[in-house]
């Protein structure tokens, strides 16, 4: 598609890959945004795509933060969260009756 930015870098031309985040279906192509309303995009060199074995999954091209382990055993955490959720439902029911 004309107007796509090149990937830059020593490998030459690149490709636009949908980045993480929601797509925006509303939007028409323009000179500034030839891809229209596709949503966030990242520019990746063809060399990087080749190194990723031609897999175009966005997670391969953007950093994803590691989640911290909270050291709470799963069973205990599940019981605690289920109890909190039950209390929220009870509060919701109470407020519904009040309304």
Protein backbone atom coordinates (compact mmCIF):
# COMPACT_ATOMS: atom_id res chain seq x y z
CA UNK A 1 0.00 0.00 0.00
CA UNK A 2 1.51 3.36 -0.97
CA UNK A 3 2.67 5.52 1.89
CA UNK A 4 3.55 2.76 4.36
CA UNK A 5 6.70 3.78 6.18
CA UNK A 6 9.75 1.61 5.61
CA UNK A 7 11.19 -0.42 8.45
CA UNK A 8 14.53 1.35 8.46
CA UNK A 9 17.75 -0.23 9.60
CA UNK A 10 20.37 -2.12 7.63
CA UNK A 11 17.90 -4.77 6.43
CA UNK A 12 16.10 -2.28 4.20
CA UNK A 13 12.34 -2.17 3.84
CA UNK A 14 10.14 -3.30 6.67
CA UNK A 15 6.56 -4.05 7.49
CA UNK A 16 3.81 -2.61 9.62
CA UNK A 17 2.50 -5.05 12.21
CA UNK A 18 -0.56 -4.41 14.36
CA UNK A 19 0.67 -3.49 17.82
CA UNK A 20 -0.91 -4.39 21.12
CA UNK A 21 -4.10 -2.57 21.93
CA UNK A 22 -7.55 -2.23 20.46
CA UNK A 23 -8.12 -1.70 16.78
CA UNK A 24 -10.01 1.40 15.78
CA UNK A 25 -12.41 0.38 13.00
CA UNK A 26 -13.42 3.96 12.33
CA UNK A 27 -10.97 5.89 10.24
CA UNK A 28 -10.23 6.38 6.59
CA UNK A 29 -6.84 6.16 4.96
CA UNK A 30 -5.09 9.49 4.53
CA UNK A 31 -1.60 10.59 3.45
CA UNK A 32 -0.59 10.77 7.13
CA UNK A 33 -2.26 7.44 8.01
CA UNK A 34 -2.49 5.22 4.91
CA UNK A 35 -3.51 2.25 7.04
CA UNK A 36 -6.69 4.06 8.12
CA UNK A 37 -8.22 3.01 11.40
CA UNK A 38 -6.27 -0.21 12.01
CA UNK A 39 -5.16 0.93 15.47
CA UNK A 40 -1.67 1.02 16.93
CA UNK A 41 1.05 -0.22 14.57
CA UNK A 42 4.75 -0.95 14.94
CA UNK A 43 7.39 -0.83 12.24
CA UNK A 44 9.55 -3.94 11.99
CA UNK A 45 12.42 -4.63 9.60
CA UNK A 46 12.19 -7.60 7.25
CA UNK A 47 15.34 -8.96 8.90
CA UNK A 48 13.57 -9.02 12.28
CA UNK A 49 10.56 -10.76 10.70
CA UNK A 50 12.91 -13.35 9.22
CA UNK A 51 14.58 -13.85 12.65
CA UNK A 52 11.10 -14.48 14.09
CA UNK A 53 10.54 -17.18 11.43
CA UNK A 54 7.99 -14.98 9.60
CA UNK A 55 5.53 -15.12 12.50
CA UNK A 56 3.66 -11.81 12.71
CA UNK A 57 2.20 -12.11 16.21
CA UNK A 58 2.64 -8.65 17.83
CA UNK A 59 3.92 -10.11 21.10
CA UNK A 60 7.10 -11.21 19.35
CA UNK A 61 7.99 -7.63 18.45
CA UNK A 62 7.10 -5.65 21.56
CA UNK A 63 8.32 -6.06 25.10
CA UNK A 64 5.89 -7.59 27.56
CA UNK A 65 6.52 -6.89 31.23
CA UNK A 66 7.00 -9.87 33.49
CA UNK A 67 4.29 -10.30 36.09
CA UNK A 68 5.44 -10.31 39.66
CA UNK A 69 4.56 -13.36 41.73
CA UNK A 70 2.79 -12.33 44.91
CA UNK A 71 3.92 -15.49 46.78
CA UNK A 72 0.32 -16.21 47.87
CA UNK A 73 -0.57 -19.86 47.27
CA UNK A 74 -3.20 -20.26 44.55
CA UNK A 75 -5.75 -22.06 46.74
CA UNK A 76 -5.59 -19.36 49.42
CA UNK A 77 -5.75 -16.57 46.87
CA UNK A 78 -8.74 -18.16 45.13
CA UNK A 79 -10.62 -18.53 48.43
CA UNK A 80 -9.83 -14.93 49.40
CA UNK A 81 -10.87 -13.50 46.04
CA UNK A 82 -14.03 -15.62 45.92
CA UNK A 83 -14.97 -14.35 49.38
CA UNK A 84 -14.35 -10.74 48.32
CA UNK A 85 -16.45 -11.27 45.20
CA UNK A 86 -19.29 -12.76 47.25
CA UNK A 87 -19.24 -9.71 49.54
CA UNK A 88 -19.38 -7.44 46.49
CA UNK A 89 -22.39 -9.36 45.15
CA UNK A 90 -24.12 -9.09 48.51
CA UNK A 91 -23.46 -5.36 48.59
CA UNK A 92 -24.75 -5.08 45.03
CA UNK A 93 -27.96 -6.94 45.96
CA UNK A 94 -28.42 -4.70 49.00
CA UNK A 95 -27.99 -1.57 46.92
CA UNK A 96 -30.36 -2.88 44.25
CA UNK A 97 -33.04 -3.40 46.90
CA UNK A 98 -32.39 0.08 48.29
CA UNK A 99 -32.82 1.65 44.86
